[in-house]
Amino acid sequence: MTLAAWYLHDIGRLAKKLSREFGVLPYEKFVRDAKKIESAATKLVIMKEGWVWLPSKIRQHLVPIDWRAVIGKWDRDAGRRVGIDPRKLWDTIARKLPEMNRKIEALLES
């Protein structure tokens, strides 16, 4: 298995986990829980770490994600992530990640 395949496998695993954990929640319930938002954003940070190591040729076949909007940035003074767009975060988890996971599975099979 190539390194890119390992990253794809891990990204797909995280996409499934996020979809099962948060994607089934209605947006209104998700957005009221700051811990859920922080947990989801943190898992997406891990996913992005694998994403950046994928060759651009492979990334082009996957679903585009606005990483800055969904994971924000780390604020050392606040000790947390800031600038997260909760609507885009939830939409990414509920709609984009399941589609991305299907594309990852297809790439891994070929």
Protein backbone atom coordinates (compact mmCIF):
# COMPACT_ATOMS: atom_id res chain seq x y z
CA MET A 1 0.00 0.00 0.00
CA THR A 2 1.37 3.41 -0.96
CA LEU A 3 1.71 6.30 1.44
CA ALA A 4 -1.11 8.15 -0.36
CA ALA A 5 -3.34 5.09 0.11
CA TRP A 6 -2.62 5.11 3.85
CA TYR A 7 -3.57 8.78 4.08
CA LEU A 8 -6.73 8.13 2.05
CA HIS A 9 -7.65 5.24 4.34
CA ASP A 10 -7.19 7.39 7.48
CA ILE A 11 -9.10 10.32 5.98
CA GLY A 12 -11.94 7.99 5.02
CA ARG A 13 -12.00 6.48 8.52
CA LEU A 14 -12.21 9.93 10.10
CA ALA A 15 -14.88 11.03 7.60
CA LYS A 16 -17.04 8.04 8.59
CA LYS A 17 -16.51 8.67 12.29
CA LEU A 18 -17.40 12.37 12.03
CA SER A 19 -20.48 11.62 9.93
CA ARG A 20 -21.73 9.02 12.42
CA GLU A 21 -20.98 11.14 15.48
CA PHE A 22 -22.09 14.60 14.37
CA GLY A 23 -23.66 14.39 10.91
CA VAL A 24 -26.79 12.74 12.25
CA LEU A 25 -27.50 15.63 14.61
CA PRO A 26 -29.80 18.44 13.52
CA TYR A 27 -27.85 21.65 12.99
CA GLU A 28 -29.74 23.41 15.81
CA LYS A 29 -28.64 20.77 18.34
CA PHE A 30 -25.06 20.67 17.04
CA VAL A 31 -24.56 24.43 17.14
CA ARG A 32 -25.76 24.77 20.76
CA ASP A 33 -22.98 22.51 22.06
CA ALA A 34 -19.57 24.21 22.06
CA LYS A 35 -17.86 20.92 23.01
CA LYS A 36 -19.30 19.19 19.95
CA ILE A 37 -18.11 22.02 17.70
CA GLU A 38 -14.62 21.94 19.20
CA SER A 39 -14.43 18.14 19.02
CA ALA A 40 -15.57 18.09 15.39
CA ALA A 41 -13.14 20.86 14.41
CA THR A 42 -10.26 19.07 16.16
CA LYS A 43 -10.99 15.84 14.28
CA LEU A 44 -11.11 17.80 11.04
CA VAL A 45 -7.71 19.31 11.88
CA ILE A 46 -6.36 15.76 12.03
CA MET A 47 -8.06 14.98 8.73
CA LYS A 48 -6.54 18.08 7.13
CA GLU A 49 -3.06 16.97 8.19
CA GLY A 50 -3.46 13.87 6.04
CA TRP A 51 -5.12 15.87 3.26
CA VAL A 52 -2.14 18.19 2.78
CA TRP A 53 0.15 15.20 2.25
CA LEU A 54 -1.99 13.78 -0.56
CA PRO A 55 -0.77 14.48 -4.07
CA SER A 56 -2.81 17.25 -5.70
CA LYS A 57 -3.81 14.78 -8.44
CA ILE A 58 -5.67 12.70 -5.82
CA ARG A 59 -7.13 15.73 -3.99
CA GLN A 60 -8.73 16.85 -7.26
CA HIS A 61 -10.87 13.68 -7.25
CA LEU A 62 -12.17 14.34 -3.74
CA VAL A 63 -14.75 16.79 -2.44
CA PRO A 64 -13.30 20.29 -1.95
CA ILE A 65 -13.41 21.54 1.63
CA ASP A 66 -13.04 25.13 2.83
CA TRP A 67 -10.61 24.14 5.59
CA ARG A 68 -10.21 27.64 7.04
CA ALA A 69 -13.98 28.03 7.56
CA VAL A 70 -14.48 24.61 9.13
CA ILE A 71 -11.43 24.40 11.38
CA GLY A 72 -10.63 28.06 12.00
CA LYS A 73 -7.21 28.73 13.45
CA TRP A 74 -5.57 28.13 16.80
CA ASP A 75 -5.52 31.13 19.15
CA ARG A 76 -2.79 30.59 21.75
CA ASP A 77 -4.07 33.37 23.99
CA ALA A 78 -7.59 31.95 24.07
CA GLY A 79 -6.33 28.35 24.19
CA ARG A 80 -8.83 27.25 21.56
CA ARG A 81 -9.73 27.38 17.89
CA VAL A 82 -11.34 30.59 16.63
CA GLY A 83 -12.96 31.64 13.38
CA ILE A 84 -14.95 28.44 12.90
CA ASP A 85 -18.11 28.82 10.85
CA PRO A 86 -20.51 26.39 12.61
CA ARG A 87 -22.86 26.21 9.60
CA LYS A 88 -20.03 25.29 7.22
CA LEU A 89 -18.60 22.89 9.79
CA TRP A 90 -21.91 21.04 10.16
CA ASP A 91 -22.59 21.13 6.42
CA THR A 92 -19.16 19.66 5.71
CA ILE A 93 -19.71 16.85 8.20
CA ALA A 94 -23.32 16.09 7.27
CA ARG A 95 -23.11 16.47 3.49
CA LYS A 96 -19.57 16.58 2.15
CA LEU A 97 -17.83 13.92 4.23
CA PRO A 98 -20.17 11.06 3.27
CA GLU A 99 -19.64 11.95 -0.40
CA MET A 100 -15.88 12.22 0.16
CA ASN A 101 -15.82 8.83 1.84
CA ARG A 102 -17.57 7.23 -1.16
CA LYS A 103 -14.97 8.75 -3.47
CA ILE A 104 -12.14 7.58 -1.23
CA GLU A 105 -13.50 4.04 -1.20
CA ALA A 106 -13.71 4.10 -5.01
CA LEU A 107 -10.11 5.36 -5.28
CA LEU A 108 -8.86 2.71 -2.87
CA GLU A 109 -10.63 -0.04 -4.82
CA SER A 110 -9.03 1.02 -8.10
